[in-house]
Amino acid sequence: MKVVKDKDLCSIKIPVHPFFRKMSVYCYFVDGLLIDTGPKIQKRKLSRLYRSLDIQTVALTHHHDDHAGMVSWLDEQLSPRIFAHERTNLSVDTEIYTGEIQTPNHKFIPISTPAHTHDHVCMLEPDRGWLFSGDMYITPYPKVFLKNESVSSYICSLKELKKLDFTSLYGGHEGLIPNGREMIAEKLNYLESTRKEVVRLHQLGYKDREIVKRIFPRKVRLELMTFGLFSRLNFIRSCYSD
């Protein structure tokens, strides 16, 4: 686990799994607010850290365990206010995002961005120009999707993010992303152009696996690591089924 403090913003980086350390998740703590909680499997390390912080409020970007796994422990041990999207289903009581979250020195505006999940939310601190993007970014050139992820939803949500006034983009798995505004636009352009080509091939009668071989001929590490949970085939099908 690595904790980096930059003035009043604290970035917490921890592996998603103790035995698979190449993939990490970031949580962010500022002014009593914890954005995402980290995975339950890292409770031993995270609980020690969280006891040392004055966590008054938790804001979740979505329900996946690597982002919300510690929420039950936080609820039981520290009793913060916990905010989540109205469609987020957790084992603890949460408050639904209805407007901005106020802390003593900041305000955070939840931005609904359904794409990676139906309940995904980004958090904007407009006065500082911070955008906490959860899993909306990850990479500008995705090649694999979960079965329920939607290219169309990503495109719509990324268009909304492009309208926001922010200078610093903080990702759920990347930390601070250089040129964050430009990279959001890059991902949007990539998804639009890829979807257009997939739809063209689909209309010409190419089978899904044939399209995969043409668009993404090389196997993707995440596809192998997750035994196909994330897959190129899911990505291709989402391009024309939305």
Protein backbone atom coordinates (compact mmCIF):
# COMPACT_ATOMS: atom_id res chain seq x y z
CA MET A 1 0.00 0.00 0.00
CA LYS A 2 1.22 3.49 -0.86
CA VAL A 3 -0.18 6.70 0.60
CA VAL A 4 0.72 10.03 -1.02
CA LYS A 5 -0.35 13.39 0.39
CA ASP A 6 -0.49 16.45 -1.84
CA LYS A 7 -1.53 19.38 0.32
CA ASP A 8 -5.07 18.45 1.46
CA LEU A 9 -5.57 15.52 -0.92
CA CYS A 10 -4.45 12.03 0.09
CA SER A 11 -4.15 9.29 -2.57
CA ILE A 12 -4.26 5.69 -1.34
CA LYS A 13 -2.94 3.02 -3.72
CA ILE A 14 -3.36 -0.64 -2.86
CA PRO A 15 -3.30 -3.89 -4.91
CA VAL A 16 -6.75 -5.21 -5.76
CA HIS A 17 -5.60 -8.61 -4.44
CA PRO A 18 -2.59 -9.42 -2.20
CA PHE A 19 -1.43 -12.15 -4.59
CA PHE A 20 -1.97 -10.21 -7.84
CA ARG A 21 -0.09 -7.02 -7.26
CA LYS A 22 0.08 -5.72 -10.83
CA MET A 23 -3.41 -4.24 -10.65
CA SER A 24 -4.05 -1.60 -8.00
CA VAL A 25 -7.01 0.51 -7.00
CA TYR A 26 -6.93 4.10 -5.76
CA CYS A 27 -9.04 5.64 -3.01
CA TYR A 28 -8.93 9.34 -2.23
CA PHE A 29 -9.29 11.14 1.09
CA VAL A 30 -9.79 14.87 1.44
CA ASP A 31 -11.30 17.03 4.15
CA GLY A 32 -13.04 14.15 5.92
CA LEU A 33 -14.37 12.60 2.70
CA LEU A 34 -13.24 9.17 1.47
CA ILE A 35 -13.93 8.52 -2.21
CA ASP A 36 -14.19 4.74 -2.62
CA THR A 37 -13.07 2.30 0.05
CA GLY A 38 -10.84 -0.35 -1.53
CA PRO A 39 -11.34 -4.14 -1.55
CA LYS A 40 -12.48 -6.15 1.44
CA ILE A 41 -9.62 -8.63 0.95
CA GLN A 42 -7.20 -5.82 1.93
CA LYS A 43 -9.02 -5.14 5.21
CA ARG A 44 -5.97 -5.71 7.41
CA LYS A 45 -3.98 -2.91 5.80
CA LEU A 46 -6.83 -0.55 5.03
CA SER A 47 -8.45 -0.78 8.46
CA ARG A 48 -5.25 0.40 10.14
CA LEU A 49 -5.07 3.37 7.81
CA TYR A 50 -8.73 4.26 8.08
CA ARG A 51 -8.61 4.27 11.87
CA SER A 52 -5.93 6.96 11.62
CA LEU A 53 -8.02 9.18 9.37
CA ASP A 54 -10.94 11.37 10.40
CA ILE A 55 -13.42 9.84 7.95
CA GLN A 56 -16.75 11.61 8.25
CA THR A 57 -18.22 10.78 4.84
CA VAL A 58 -17.81 8.08 2.19
CA ALA A 59 -18.69 8.62 -1.48
CA LEU A 60 -18.81 5.53 -3.69
CA THR A 61 -18.28 5.60 -7.45
CA HIS A 62 -19.94 2.18 -7.89
CA HIS A 63 -20.65 -1.12 -6.19
CA HIS A 64 -17.73 -3.33 -7.34
CA ASP A 65 -15.76 -4.84 -4.47
CA ASP A 66 -12.45 -3.20 -5.35
CA HIS A 67 -14.16 0.16 -4.86
CA ALA A 68 -16.78 -0.60 -2.19
CA GLY A 69 -15.53 -3.72 -0.43
CA MET A 70 -14.60 -1.95 2.82
CA VAL A 71 -17.90 -0.14 3.18
CA SER A 72 -19.35 -2.60 5.71
CA TRP A 73 -16.29 -2.34 7.94
CA LEU A 74 -16.40 1.45 7.75
CA ASP A 75 -20.08 1.46 8.60
CA GLU A 76 -19.57 -0.80 11.62
CA GLN A 77 -16.36 0.72 12.95
CA LEU A 78 -16.44 4.42 12.08
CA SER A 79 -20.12 5.14 11.25
CA PRO A 80 -19.57 7.73 8.52
CA ARG A 81 -22.29 9.00 6.22
CA ILE A 82 -22.19 6.80 3.13
CA PHE A 83 -23.37 8.10 -0.24
CA ALA A 84 -24.08 6.00 -3.31
CA HIS A 85 -26.14 5.99 -6.50
CA GLU A 86 -29.81 5.14 -6.05
CA ARG A 87 -29.26 1.86 -7.95
CA THR A 88 -26.31 0.76 -5.83
CA ASN A 89 -27.15 -2.38 -3.85
CA LEU A 90 -25.03 -2.89 -0.74
CA SER A 91 -25.40 -4.56 2.65
CA VAL A 92 -25.35 -1.22 4.48
CA ASP A 93 -27.74 1.70 4.49
CA THR A 94 -26.62 4.48 2.16
CA GLU A 95 -27.76 7.99 1.37
CA ILE A 96 -28.65 8.59 -2.27
CA TYR A 97 -26.81 11.27 -4.20
CA THR A 98 -29.25 14.15 -4.58
CA GLY A 99 -26.95 17.16 -4.73
CA GLU A 100 -23.47 18.28 -3.81
CA ILE A 101 -21.64 16.90 -0.78
CA GLN A 102 -20.29 19.62 1.47
CA THR A 103 -17.16 19.21 3.58
CA PRO A 104 -15.68 21.99 5.73
CA ASN A 105 -13.52 23.34 2.89
CA HIS A 106 -14.79 21.71 -0.30
CA LYS A 107 -17.87 20.73 -2.24
CA PHE A 108 -18.20 17.62 -4.40
CA ILE A 109 -20.77 17.21 -7.16
CA PRO A 110 -21.81 13.66 -8.14
CA ILE A 111 -22.01 13.11 -11.90
CA SER A 112 -24.04 10.08 -13.01
CA THR A 113 -21.97 8.19 -15.60
CA PRO A 114 -23.58 4.82 -16.31
CA ALA A 115 -21.26 2.73 -18.50
CA HIS A 116 -18.88 0.49 -16.56
CA THR A 117 -21.83 -0.22 -14.26
CA HIS A 118 -25.42 1.02 -14.12
CA ASP A 119 -24.69 2.83 -10.84
CA HIS A 120 -21.42 4.53 -11.74
CA VAL A 121 -20.79 8.07 -10.47
CA CYS A 122 -17.87 10.47 -10.92
CA MET A 123 -17.15 13.18 -8.36
CA LEU A 124 -16.29 16.78 -9.32
CA GLU A 125 -14.72 19.34 -7.00
CA PRO A 126 -15.38 22.44 -9.13
CA ASP A 127 -13.39 24.98 -7.12
CA ARG A 128 -10.19 22.94 -7.34
CA GLY A 129 -10.88 21.43 -10.75
CA TRP A 130 -10.64 17.84 -9.50
CA LEU A 131 -12.54 15.04 -11.23
CA PHE A 132 -12.53 11.63 -9.56
CA SER A 133 -13.45 9.26 -12.37
CA GLY A 134 -13.77 5.84 -10.74
CA ASP A 135 -13.66 3.28 -13.57
CA MET A 136 -14.78 5.60 -16.35
CA TYR A 137 -11.28 6.00 -17.77
CA ILE A 138 -8.82 3.15 -16.95
CA THR A 139 -7.42 3.27 -20.51
CA PRO A 140 -8.21 5.41 -23.57
CA TYR A 141 -8.11 2.31 -25.77
CA PRO A 142 -10.13 -0.50 -24.15
CA LYS A 143 -10.27 -3.81 -25.95
CA VAL A 144 -12.24 -5.87 -23.44
CA PHE A 145 -15.56 -5.31 -21.68
CA LEU A 146 -17.66 -6.95 -19.04
CA LYS A 147 -20.79 -8.54 -20.45
CA ASN A 148 -23.07 -5.74 -19.25
CA GLU A 149 -20.84 -2.83 -20.23
CA SER A 150 -22.14 -0.60 -22.98
CA VAL A 151 -20.18 1.29 -25.63
CA SER A 152 -23.13 3.63 -26.19
CA SER A 153 -23.37 4.39 -22.47
CA TYR A 154 -19.64 5.09 -22.32
CA ILE A 155 -19.92 7.48 -25.26
CA CYS A 156 -22.85 9.35 -23.67
CA SER A 157 -21.14 9.57 -20.27
CA LEU A 158 -17.79 10.67 -21.73
CA LYS A 159 -19.57 13.43 -23.64
CA GLU A 160 -21.00 14.65 -20.34
CA LEU A 161 -17.57 14.58 -18.72
CA LYS A 162 -16.13 16.61 -21.61
CA LYS A 163 -18.50 19.44 -20.70
CA LEU A 164 -17.13 19.71 -17.16
CA ASP A 165 -14.55 22.26 -16.10
CA PHE A 166 -11.73 20.25 -14.50
CA THR A 167 -7.95 20.37 -14.60
CA SER A 168 -6.95 17.21 -12.70
CA LEU A 169 -8.30 13.73 -13.43
CA TYR A 170 -7.95 11.10 -10.70
CA GLY A 171 -8.67 7.56 -11.87
CA GLY A 172 -9.76 4.57 -9.85
CA HIS A 173 -6.87 2.44 -11.12
CA GLU A 174 -4.43 4.98 -12.55
CA GLY A 175 -4.08 7.72 -9.96
CA LEU A 176 -3.47 11.20 -11.36
CA ILE A 177 -3.77 11.04 -15.14
CA PRO A 178 -1.61 13.52 -17.09
CA ASN A 179 -3.59 15.53 -19.65
CA GLY A 180 -6.81 14.11 -18.24
CA ARG A 181 -9.16 16.28 -20.31
CA GLU A 182 -7.38 15.32 -23.52
CA MET A 183 -7.40 11.64 -22.58
CA ILE A 184 -11.15 11.69 -21.94
CA ALA A 185 -11.58 13.11 -25.45
CA GLU A 186 -9.16 10.50 -26.84
CA LYS A 187 -11.19 7.67 -25.34
CA LEU A 188 -14.41 9.15 -26.67
CA ASN A 189 -13.00 9.41 -30.20
CA TYR A 190 -11.63 5.87 -30.03
CA LEU A 191 -14.94 4.37 -28.92
CA GLU A 192 -16.91 6.24 -31.57
CA SER A 193 -14.58 5.21 -34.39
CA THR A 194 -14.30 1.60 -33.20
CA ARG A 195 -18.06 1.25 -32.86
CA LYS A 196 -18.51 2.62 -36.38
CA GLU A 197 -16.13 0.04 -37.83
CA VAL A 198 -17.63 -2.85 -35.87
CA VAL A 199 -21.15 -1.91 -36.99
CA ARG A 200 -19.93 -1.71 -40.59
CA LEU A 201 -18.45 -5.20 -40.44
CA HIS A 202 -21.51 -6.57 -38.65
CA GLN A 203 -23.79 -5.18 -41.36
CA LEU A 204 -21.57 -6.78 -44.01
CA GLY A 205 -22.31 -10.15 -42.39
CA TYR A 206 -19.11 -10.83 -40.50
CA LYS A 207 -19.51 -13.11 -37.47
CA ASP A 208 -18.59 -11.76 -34.04
CA ARG A 209 -15.43 -13.83 -33.72
CA GLU A 210 -14.35 -12.79 -37.21
CA ILE A 211 -14.74 -9.15 -36.20
CA VAL A 212 -12.68 -9.79 -33.06
CA LYS A 213 -9.85 -11.18 -35.20
CA ARG A 214 -9.96 -8.15 -37.49
CA ILE A 215 -10.26 -5.43 -34.83
CA PHE A 216 -8.40 -6.97 -31.87
CA PRO A 217 -6.21 -9.79 -33.23
CA ARG A 218 -3.99 -10.05 -30.15
CA LYS A 219 -5.09 -11.60 -26.87
CA VAL A 220 -5.46 -9.18 -23.97
CA ARG A 221 -3.87 -9.88 -20.59
CA LEU A 222 -6.98 -8.87 -18.63
CA GLU A 223 -9.01 -11.32 -20.68
CA LEU A 224 -6.67 -14.12 -19.65
CA MET A 225 -6.44 -13.00 -16.01
CA THR A 226 -10.23 -12.95 -15.60
CA PHE A 227 -10.87 -16.18 -17.55
CA GLY A 228 -12.98 -14.29 -20.08
CA LEU A 229 -15.04 -12.24 -17.63
CA PHE A 230 -13.57 -9.27 -19.46
CA SER A 231 -13.47 -10.16 -23.14
CA ARG A 232 -12.98 -8.76 -26.63
CA LEU A 233 -16.17 -10.54 -27.68
CA ASN A 234 -18.17 -8.59 -25.10
CA PHE A 235 -16.75 -5.36 -26.48
CA ILE A 236 -17.63 -6.23 -30.08
CA ARG A 237 -21.18 -7.28 -29.23
CA SER A 238 -21.83 -4.10 -27.24
CA CYS A 239 -20.96 -2.01 -30.30
CA TYR A 240 -23.98 -3.13 -32.30
CA SER A 241 -26.42 -4.36 -29.64
CA ASP A 242 -26.96 -1.06 -27.79
